Amino acid sequence: MSSVVKTGAEGDPGTDGAVSGSVPLTEPSDGVPPVVTDQVTLVRAADALRRGRGPVAVDTERASGYRYSRRAYLIQLRREGAGTVLVDPIALGGEVTTLAGVLTGPEWVLHAASQDLPCLADLGLVPSRLFDTELAGRLTGFERVALGTLVEQLLGYTLEKGHSAVDWSHRPLPYDWLIYAALDVELLVQLRDVLEAELLRQGKLEWARQEFEAVRVAQPPAPRAQPWRRTSGIHRIRSRRQLAAVRALWETREAVAVERDIAPGRVLPDRAIVDAAAASPTDVAELIKLPVFRGRAQRRMASVWLDALRSAGGLPAAELPETSPPHDGPPPPNRWPDRDPDAAARLAAARGALTKIAEANRLPVENLLLPDLVRRICWEPPEDTTLTGVAARLRAGGARQWQIELTGAELTSALLATA
């Protein structure tokens, strides 16, 4: 399939790079292949991929919002000379190691790779090299980097995106879902080639390579110390006793979600947790008067939720959570002027300098340097405030070499600011 590219003004692909009269892409060029559900067929598919040429387009479909686990329910692969392969890891019992030998070595092309790599790693599939088309789109200056948007702007085709939020754990998979899944890898390699050429033209290809490698080797984030504090609407809760109720309901919901492999929000919505914690019902009758708890599913579990509330109600004062959550790092920036005016001045200077650098290089400022890293270094500068010391601190915080070279000097100057 040929690619259609229209470039715009220098460094401005996000506005002038759109293709007029894009062509709807409703079927894969080679048709929808049968889904691989047994080891014999998997070996054949692996052999076809091995005989293929060039990078391998890779995608997965998960059941986010439906299931608790992050597992892949479908794997899509495409390589020139091999066509598209759809693999059902659930039917295969998670045993897809036949693919590992084939996929080790060739470059993988993914869109938003950080979303797919964890579930692939769980299956023993890890890339040796990586090209992330979403990240490449950000670095080249596109304001919108969804796969469908980039394909339309750079290749001239419109992708159907109607099944992005369906329950991919459903079996059997409907045919129209398989069309959608196959199309997700149909043009990934062509998109990669166009974006690589644009990165090269803008002098950003080495930046991109460093970013891709950082994504490839990234470790899973450390578990949050108090994840229950991220419950939506928790700001409505004021007392420590009510916070304990939120915590107890959240932890009970988490246990049920893990056991049943159901997304927590489908077990009990955050809003219901906050409502119950605020109302403090004393018996089942009071609990099922609350919104959400009136439903049949929640009435069946009413005693479970009430036990959680009672356990929180019986805690001694010393075991109640504090109303102010502990901070891992600096306090919120809006408190800096009162707590440390010099730190606030440093942050303001750093943000101003980084914004100018980002605009000059047509980059999102968050891709230039992680905002959290900027806050941390401004709140607590390194003892060595020379460029060498600042560069070392940035490197220790995960900044890539291209970021350090681009921002180090300006950030060093910003750290000299005072109130």
Protein backbone atom coordinates (compact mmCIF):
# COMPACT_ATOMS: atom_id res chain seq x y z
CA MET A 1 0.00 0.00 0.00
CA SER A 2 1.54 3.29 -1.01
CA SER A 3 1.88 6.14 1.44
CA VAL A 4 0.68 9.65 0.75
CA VAL A 5 2.60 12.44 2.40
CA LYS A 6 2.11 16.16 2.27
CA THR A 7 4.60 18.24 4.20
CA GLY A 8 3.90 21.75 5.29
CA ALA A 9 5.89 24.68 6.57
CA GLU A 10 9.31 24.10 8.07
CA GLY A 11 8.89 22.35 11.42
CA ASP A 12 5.12 22.68 11.43
CA PRO A 13 3.69 19.28 10.49
CA GLY A 14 0.85 19.65 12.98
CA THR A 15 -0.98 22.30 10.99
CA ASP A 16 0.10 22.06 7.37
CA GLY A 17 0.82 18.34 7.13
CA ALA A 18 -2.78 17.20 6.78
CA VAL A 19 -3.81 15.32 3.67
CA SER A 20 -6.92 16.57 1.96
CA GLY A 21 -9.48 14.01 0.83
CA SER A 22 -8.23 11.10 2.95
CA VAL A 23 -9.31 7.60 1.93
CA PRO A 24 -11.33 5.49 4.41
CA LEU A 25 -9.54 2.25 5.21
CA THR A 26 -12.21 -0.32 6.04
CA GLU A 27 -10.47 -3.65 5.32
CA PRO A 28 -6.88 -4.88 5.66
CA SER A 29 -5.15 -5.11 2.27
CA ASP A 30 -4.66 -8.88 2.65
CA GLY A 31 -7.99 -9.50 4.36
CA VAL A 32 -8.48 -10.51 7.99
CA PRO A 33 -6.33 -13.54 8.83
CA PRO A 34 -7.73 -16.33 11.04
CA VAL A 35 -6.84 -15.86 14.69
CA VAL A 36 -4.02 -18.10 15.93
CA THR A 37 -5.43 -20.24 18.73
CA ASP A 38 -3.22 -23.36 18.77
CA GLN A 39 0.49 -24.14 18.85
CA VAL A 40 0.63 -25.71 15.40
CA THR A 41 -0.75 -22.57 13.78
CA LEU A 42 1.48 -20.42 15.98
CA VAL A 43 4.59 -22.20 14.67
CA ARG A 44 3.46 -21.56 11.09
CA ALA A 45 2.81 -17.90 11.85
CA ALA A 46 6.23 -17.57 13.50
CA ASP A 47 7.90 -19.10 10.45
CA ALA A 48 6.13 -16.62 8.18
CA LEU A 49 7.26 -13.71 10.36
CA ARG A 50 10.82 -15.07 10.37
CA ARG A 51 10.87 -15.10 6.58
CA GLY A 52 9.58 -11.53 6.48
CA ARG A 53 11.67 -8.40 6.03
CA GLY A 54 12.25 -5.22 7.98
CA PRO A 55 10.61 -3.98 11.19
CA VAL A 56 7.67 -5.73 12.83
CA ALA A 57 4.53 -3.72 13.58
CA VAL A 58 3.22 -4.72 17.01
CA ASP A 59 0.03 -3.93 18.90
CA THR A 60 -2.10 -5.49 21.63
CA GLU A 61 -5.70 -5.30 22.71
CA ARG A 62 -6.43 -5.32 26.43
CA ALA A 63 -9.64 -5.11 28.42
CA SER A 64 -8.94 -1.92 30.36
CA GLY A 65 -12.06 -0.78 32.15
CA TYR A 66 -13.43 -4.32 32.19
CA ARG A 67 -10.73 -6.49 33.75
CA TYR A 68 -8.37 -5.94 36.64
CA SER A 69 -5.40 -7.60 34.99
CA ARG A 70 -3.33 -5.85 32.35
CA ARG A 71 -3.02 -8.98 30.20
CA ALA A 72 -3.16 -8.93 26.42
CA TYR A 73 -6.26 -10.54 24.95
CA LEU A 74 -5.05 -10.21 21.35
CA ILE A 75 -1.63 -9.62 19.80
CA GLN A 76 -1.36 -8.09 16.33
CA LEU A 77 1.84 -8.44 14.30
CA ARG A 78 2.67 -7.42 10.74
CA ARG A 79 5.86 -7.65 8.72
CA GLU A 80 6.61 -7.10 5.08
CA GLY A 81 6.57 -10.41 3.27
CA ALA A 82 4.63 -12.10 6.06
CA GLY A 83 1.42 -10.11 6.25
CA THR A 84 -0.64 -9.70 9.41
CA VAL A 85 -0.78 -12.24 12.23
CA LEU A 86 -3.45 -12.16 14.95
CA VAL A 87 -2.61 -14.21 18.05
CA ASP A 88 -5.02 -15.10 20.88
CA PRO A 89 -2.77 -15.57 23.94
CA ILE A 90 -5.75 -16.57 26.07
CA ALA A 91 -6.60 -19.55 23.86
CA LEU A 92 -2.90 -20.46 23.91
CA GLY A 93 -2.81 -20.40 27.70
CA GLY A 94 -0.28 -17.56 27.59
CA GLU A 95 2.26 -19.85 25.92
CA VAL A 96 3.61 -17.75 23.04
CA THR A 97 7.34 -18.33 23.50
CA THR A 98 7.52 -19.53 19.87
CA LEU A 99 7.26 -15.87 18.93
CA ALA A 100 10.09 -14.77 21.20
CA GLY A 101 12.86 -16.10 18.99
CA VAL A 102 11.31 -14.54 15.90
CA LEU A 103 10.74 -11.13 17.48
CA THR A 104 14.17 -10.89 19.09
CA GLY A 105 16.36 -8.83 16.80
CA PRO A 106 14.02 -7.01 14.43
CA GLU A 107 12.91 -3.52 15.35
CA TRP A 108 9.41 -3.33 16.83
CA VAL A 109 7.14 -0.51 15.74
CA LEU A 110 4.43 0.38 18.25
CA HIS A 111 2.16 3.33 18.88
CA ALA A 112 2.32 4.45 22.53
CA ALA A 113 4.67 1.57 23.33
CA SER A 114 4.59 2.07 27.10
CA GLN A 115 0.96 0.88 27.10
CA ASP A 116 1.70 -2.39 25.30
CA LEU A 117 5.17 -3.41 26.48
CA PRO A 118 4.18 -4.52 30.03
CA CYS A 119 1.57 -7.04 28.90
CA LEU A 120 3.91 -8.31 26.18
CA ALA A 121 6.72 -8.70 28.72
CA ASP A 122 4.35 -10.77 30.87
CA LEU A 123 4.22 -13.18 27.92
CA GLY A 124 8.00 -13.23 27.53
CA LEU A 125 8.04 -10.92 24.51
CA VAL A 126 10.60 -8.12 24.83
CA PRO A 127 11.96 -5.95 21.98
CA SER A 128 15.62 -5.61 21.14
CA ARG A 129 14.95 -2.31 19.35
CA LEU A 130 11.97 0.00 19.34
CA PHE A 131 10.32 2.77 17.33
CA ASP A 132 7.35 4.48 18.98
CA THR A 133 5.22 6.35 16.44
CA GLU A 134 3.30 8.31 19.08
CA LEU A 135 6.50 9.54 20.72
CA ALA A 136 7.97 10.31 17.29
CA GLY A 137 4.88 12.37 16.51
CA ARG A 138 5.36 14.39 19.69
CA LEU A 139 9.02 15.04 18.97
CA THR A 140 8.30 16.15 15.40
CA GLY A 141 5.82 18.73 16.68
CA PHE A 142 2.37 17.28 16.03
CA GLU A 143 -0.23 18.66 18.41
CA ARG A 144 -2.41 15.53 18.09
CA VAL A 145 -0.64 12.19 18.04
CA ALA A 146 -3.41 9.58 18.09
CA LEU A 147 -2.71 6.80 15.61
CA GLY A 148 -5.72 7.64 13.44
CA THR A 149 -4.77 11.30 13.34
CA LEU A 150 -1.18 10.68 12.29
CA VAL A 151 -2.19 8.12 9.68
CA GLU A 152 -4.68 10.55 8.19
CA GLN A 153 -2.30 13.50 8.23
CA LEU A 154 0.78 11.70 6.94
CA LEU A 155 -0.49 8.74 4.92
CA GLY A 156 -3.85 9.95 3.69
CA TYR A 157 -6.01 7.16 5.13
CA THR A 158 -8.80 7.26 7.69
CA LEU A 159 -8.83 4.41 10.21
CA GLU A 160 -12.00 3.16 11.86
CA LYS A 161 -11.51 3.55 15.63
CA GLY A 162 -14.92 2.40 16.84
CA HIS A 163 -13.73 -0.58 18.90
CA SER A 164 -10.94 0.94 20.97
CA ALA A 165 -12.87 0.65 24.26
CA VAL A 166 -14.64 -2.70 23.88
CA ASP A 167 -14.19 -5.70 26.18
CA TRP A 168 -11.46 -7.66 24.40
CA SER A 169 -11.81 -10.50 26.91
CA HIS A 170 -15.09 -11.34 25.17
CA ARG A 171 -15.05 -14.60 23.22
CA PRO A 172 -15.53 -15.27 20.40
CA LEU A 173 -14.13 -12.02 19.04
CA PRO A 174 -16.56 -10.46 16.54
CA TYR A 175 -15.32 -10.14 12.96
CA ASP A 176 -15.59 -6.35 12.90
CA TRP A 177 -13.38 -6.20 16.00
CA LEU A 178 -10.76 -8.25 14.17
CA ILE A 179 -10.89 -5.84 11.23
CA TYR A 180 -10.19 -2.98 13.63
CA ALA A 181 -7.34 -4.91 15.28
CA ALA A 182 -5.70 -5.79 11.97
CA LEU A 183 -5.93 -2.21 10.71
CA ASP A 184 -4.05 -0.99 13.78
CA VAL A 185 -0.86 -2.58 12.41
CA GLU A 186 -1.65 -2.24 8.69
CA LEU A 187 0.18 1.08 8.24
CA LEU A 188 2.46 1.27 11.29
CA VAL A 189 5.69 0.58 9.40
CA GLN A 190 4.82 3.11 6.66
CA LEU A 191 4.03 5.65 9.37
CA ARG A 192 7.33 4.87 11.06
CA ASP A 193 9.25 5.55 7.83
CA VAL A 194 7.57 8.92 7.27
CA LEU A 195 8.14 10.00 10.87
CA GLU A 196 11.78 8.90 10.80
CA ALA A 197 12.34 10.99 7.69
CA GLU A 198 10.76 14.00 9.40
CA LEU A 199 12.84 13.46 12.55
CA LEU A 200 15.95 13.36 10.38
CA ARG A 201 14.92 16.52 8.55
CA GLN A 202 14.43 18.36 11.83
CA GLY A 203 17.68 17.06 13.32
CA LYS A 204 15.84 15.13 16.03
CA LEU A 205 16.46 11.53 15.04
CA GLU A 206 19.11 10.96 17.70
CA TRP A 207 16.78 12.50 20.29
CA ALA A 208 14.09 10.05 19.27
CA ARG A 209 16.45 7.08 19.45
CA GLN A 210 17.38 7.99 23.01
CA GLU A 211 13.69 8.33 23.92
CA PHE A 212 12.79 4.99 22.33
CA GLU A 213 15.57 3.25 24.24
CA ALA A 214 14.40 4.82 27.50
CA VAL A 215 10.90 3.46 26.89
CA ARG A 216 12.29 0.04 25.96
CA VAL A 217 14.30 -0.40 29.16
CA ALA A 218 11.94 1.43 31.54
CA GLN A 219 11.15 -0.40 34.76
CA PRO A 220 7.61 -0.65 36.14
CA PRO A 221 6.73 2.30 38.38
CA ALA A 222 7.06 1.71 42.11
CA PRO A 223 3.74 1.01 43.85
CA ARG A 224 2.12 4.05 45.42
CA ALA A 225 2.39 4.25 49.19
CA GLN A 226 -1.32 5.04 49.66
CA PRO A 227 -3.11 4.35 46.38
CA TRP A 228 -6.53 4.67 47.98
CA ARG A 229 -5.97 8.42 48.27
CA ARG A 230 -6.45 8.66 44.48
CA THR A 231 -10.15 7.83 44.87
CA SER A 232 -12.10 10.34 42.77
CA GLY A 233 -14.01 12.80 44.93
CA ILE A 234 -11.95 12.17 48.06
CA HIS A 235 -11.54 15.93 48.44
CA ARG A 236 -15.11 15.93 49.82
CA ILE A 237 -13.94 13.91 52.81
CA ARG A 238 -12.71 15.97 55.73
CA SER A 239 -12.46 13.83 58.88
CA ARG A 240 -9.88 11.16 59.60
CA ARG A 241 -12.61 8.66 60.48
CA GLN A 242 -14.26 9.14 57.10
CA LEU A 243 -10.89 8.83 55.37
CA ALA A 244 -10.47 5.50 57.15
CA ALA A 245 -13.83 4.46 55.70
CA VAL A 246 -12.65 5.38 52.19
CA ARG A 247 -9.51 3.35 52.74
CA ALA A 248 -11.41 0.32 54.05
CA LEU A 249 -13.90 0.36 51.17
CA TRP A 250 -11.13 0.89 48.61
CA GLU A 251 -9.07 -2.02 49.96
CA THR A 252 -12.11 -4.30 50.11
CA ARG A 253 -13.02 -3.38 46.54
CA GLU A 254 -9.44 -4.04 45.45
CA ALA A 255 -9.51 -7.53 46.95
CA VAL A 256 -12.79 -8.35 45.21
CA ALA A 257 -11.51 -6.92 41.89
CA VAL A 258 -8.33 -9.00 42.03
CA GLU A 259 -10.20 -12.19 42.95
CA ARG A 260 -12.75 -11.78 40.16
CA ASP A 261 -10.45 -10.08 37.63
CA ILE A 262 -12.89 -7.21 37.23
CA ALA A 263 -11.96 -3.54 36.87
CA PRO A 264 -12.35 -1.92 40.31
CA GLY A 265 -14.74 0.75 39.02
CA ARG A 266 -17.10 -2.00 37.89
CA VAL A 267 -17.05 -3.60 41.33
CA LEU A 268 -17.88 -0.32 43.08
CA PRO A 269 -17.53 3.18 41.59
CA ASP A 270 -15.37 5.74 43.38
CA ARG A 271 -18.42 7.95 43.81
CA ALA A 272 -20.15 5.23 45.82
CA ILE A 273 -17.11 4.83 48.09
CA VAL A 274 -17.06 8.54 48.86
CA ASP A 275 -20.85 8.70 49.36
CA ALA A 276 -20.78 5.80 51.81
CA ALA A 277 -17.81 7.20 53.73
CA ALA A 278 -19.53 10.59 54.04
CA ALA A 279 -22.92 9.15 55.06
CA SER A 280 -21.52 6.64 57.59
CA PRO A 281 -24.50 4.23 57.43
CA THR A 282 -24.91 2.02 60.49
CA ASP A 283 -26.80 -0.88 58.93
CA VAL A 284 -27.63 -2.45 55.58
CA ALA A 285 -30.95 -0.63 55.32
CA GLU A 286 -29.22 2.75 55.51
CA LEU A 287 -26.48 1.69 53.11
CA ILE A 288 -28.81 0.53 50.32
CA LYS A 289 -30.65 3.83 50.42
CA LEU A 290 -27.55 5.49 48.93
CA PRO A 291 -27.21 5.89 45.15
CA VAL A 292 -25.43 2.96 43.47
CA PHE A 293 -25.97 0.74 46.50
CA ARG A 294 -29.63 0.43 45.52
CA GLY A 295 -28.66 -1.72 42.53
CA ARG A 296 -29.09 -5.47 42.61
CA ALA A 297 -25.36 -6.25 42.48
CA GLN A 298 -24.53 -3.88 45.32
CA ARG A 299 -27.43 -5.10 47.46
CA ARG A 300 -25.99 -8.60 47.21
CA MET A 301 -22.66 -7.28 48.52
CA ALA A 302 -24.10 -4.84 51.03
CA SER A 303 -22.88 -6.84 54.02
CA VAL A 304 -19.33 -6.84 52.59
CA TRP A 305 -19.29 -3.06 52.24
CA LEU A 306 -20.91 -2.58 55.65
CA ASP A 307 -18.25 -4.78 57.28
CA ALA A 308 -15.57 -2.57 55.74
CA LEU A 309 -17.26 0.56 57.08
CA ARG A 310 -17.59 -0.97 60.54
CA SER A 311 -13.94 -1.98 60.59
CA ALA A 312 -12.98 1.63 59.87
CA GLY A 313 -15.43 2.87 62.51
CA GLY A 314 -13.79 0.67 65.15
CA LEU A 315 -10.21 1.79 64.57
CA PRO A 316 -8.41 3.56 67.46
CA ALA A 317 -7.52 7.19 66.79
CA ALA A 318 -3.81 6.35 66.41
CA GLU A 319 -4.57 4.15 63.38
CA LEU A 320 -6.65 6.69 61.47
CA PRO A 321 -5.06 8.20 58.34
CA GLU A 322 -3.93 11.80 58.40
CA THR A 323 -6.05 14.32 56.51
CA SER A 324 -2.98 15.59 54.63
CA PRO A 325 -1.41 12.86 52.51
CA PRO A 326 2.35 12.34 52.75
CA HIS A 327 4.29 13.82 49.86
CA ASP A 328 6.90 11.91 47.93
CA GLY A 329 8.94 14.91 46.97
CA PRO A 330 8.17 18.63 46.97
CA PRO A 331 4.84 20.06 48.12
CA PRO A 332 2.37 21.37 45.52
CA PRO A 333 3.93 24.39 43.72
CA ASN A 334 1.12 26.72 44.84
CA ARG A 335 2.47 26.43 48.38
CA TRP A 336 6.04 27.26 47.46
CA PRO A 337 5.82 31.07 47.75
CA ASP A 338 4.92 30.71 51.44
CA ARG A 339 7.12 27.79 52.34
CA ASP A 340 10.23 28.65 50.30
CA PRO A 341 10.08 31.87 48.23
CA ASP A 342 13.49 31.23 46.69
CA ALA A 343 12.37 27.80 45.47
CA ALA A 344 9.28 29.42 43.94
CA ALA A 345 11.54 31.89 42.14
CA ARG A 346 13.74 29.08 40.86
CA LEU A 347 10.73 27.17 39.57
CA ALA A 348 9.30 30.21 37.82
CA ALA A 349 12.63 30.92 36.14
CA ALA A 350 13.06 27.28 35.12
CA ARG A 351 9.57 27.03 33.67
CA GLY A 352 10.06 30.20 31.67
CA ALA A 353 13.39 29.03 30.27
CA LEU A 354 12.11 25.56 29.40
CA THR A 355 9.03 26.96 27.69
CA LYS A 356 11.23 29.06 25.41
CA ILE A 357 13.46 26.09 24.57
CA ALA A 358 10.44 23.90 23.86
CA GLU A 359 8.85 26.50 21.59
CA ALA A 360 12.12 27.07 19.72
CA ASN A 361 12.44 23.35 19.06
CA ARG A 362 8.72 22.69 18.45
CA LEU A 363 8.49 20.24 21.33
CA PRO A 364 5.91 19.70 24.08
CA VAL A 365 7.57 21.07 27.21
CA GLU A 366 6.79 17.84 29.08
CA ASN A 367 8.84 15.91 26.51
CA LEU A 368 11.70 18.37 26.88
CA LEU A 369 12.06 17.58 30.58
CA LEU A 370 9.74 15.78 32.99
CA PRO A 371 7.83 18.34 35.09
CA ASP A 372 8.34 16.28 38.25
CA LEU A 373 12.11 16.29 37.73
CA VAL A 374 12.06 20.07 37.23
CA ARG A 375 10.09 20.55 40.46
CA ARG A 376 12.41 18.33 42.45
CA ILE A 377 15.59 20.01 41.28
CA CYS A 378 14.14 23.49 41.90
CA TRP A 379 12.89 22.59 45.38
CA GLU A 380 16.18 21.01 46.37
CA PRO A 381 19.01 22.06 44.04
CA PRO A 382 22.21 19.98 43.94
CA GLU A 383 25.08 21.04 46.15
CA ASP A 384 27.14 21.55 43.02
CA THR A 385 25.15 24.20 41.14
CA THR A 386 27.59 24.33 38.23
CA LEU A 387 26.52 22.96 34.85
CA THR A 388 28.39 19.75 35.68
CA GLY A 389 26.48 19.30 38.94
CA VAL A 390 23.12 20.12 37.40
CA ALA A 391 23.77 17.73 34.50
CA ALA A 392 24.63 14.96 36.95
CA ARG A 393 21.41 15.58 38.88
CA LEU A 394 19.37 15.54 35.68
CA ARG A 395 21.00 12.32 34.57
CA ALA A 396 20.30 10.70 37.94
CA GLY A 397 16.67 11.76 37.56
CA GLY A 398 16.33 9.93 34.25
CA ALA A 399 16.94 12.76 31.78
CA ARG A 400 18.39 11.69 28.46
CA GLN A 401 21.62 13.13 27.08
CA TRP A 402 19.85 15.22 24.42
CA GLN A 403 17.64 16.76 27.12
CA ILE A 404 20.63 17.60 29.28
CA GLU A 405 22.46 19.21 26.38
CA LEU A 406 19.42 21.24 25.44
CA THR A 407 18.37 22.40 28.91
CA GLY A 408 21.38 22.12 31.21
CA ALA A 409 22.78 25.63 30.82
CA GLU A 410 19.40 27.40 31.08
CA LEU A 411 18.38 25.32 34.08
CA THR A 412 21.68 26.04 35.78
CA SER A 413 21.03 29.78 35.41
CA ALA A 414 17.44 29.40 36.64
CA LEU A 415 18.67 27.78 39.86
CA LEU A 416 20.42 31.04 40.76
CA ALA A 417 17.11 32.91 40.93
CA THR A 418 15.97 34.24 44.29
CA ALA A 419 12.88 35.88 45.64
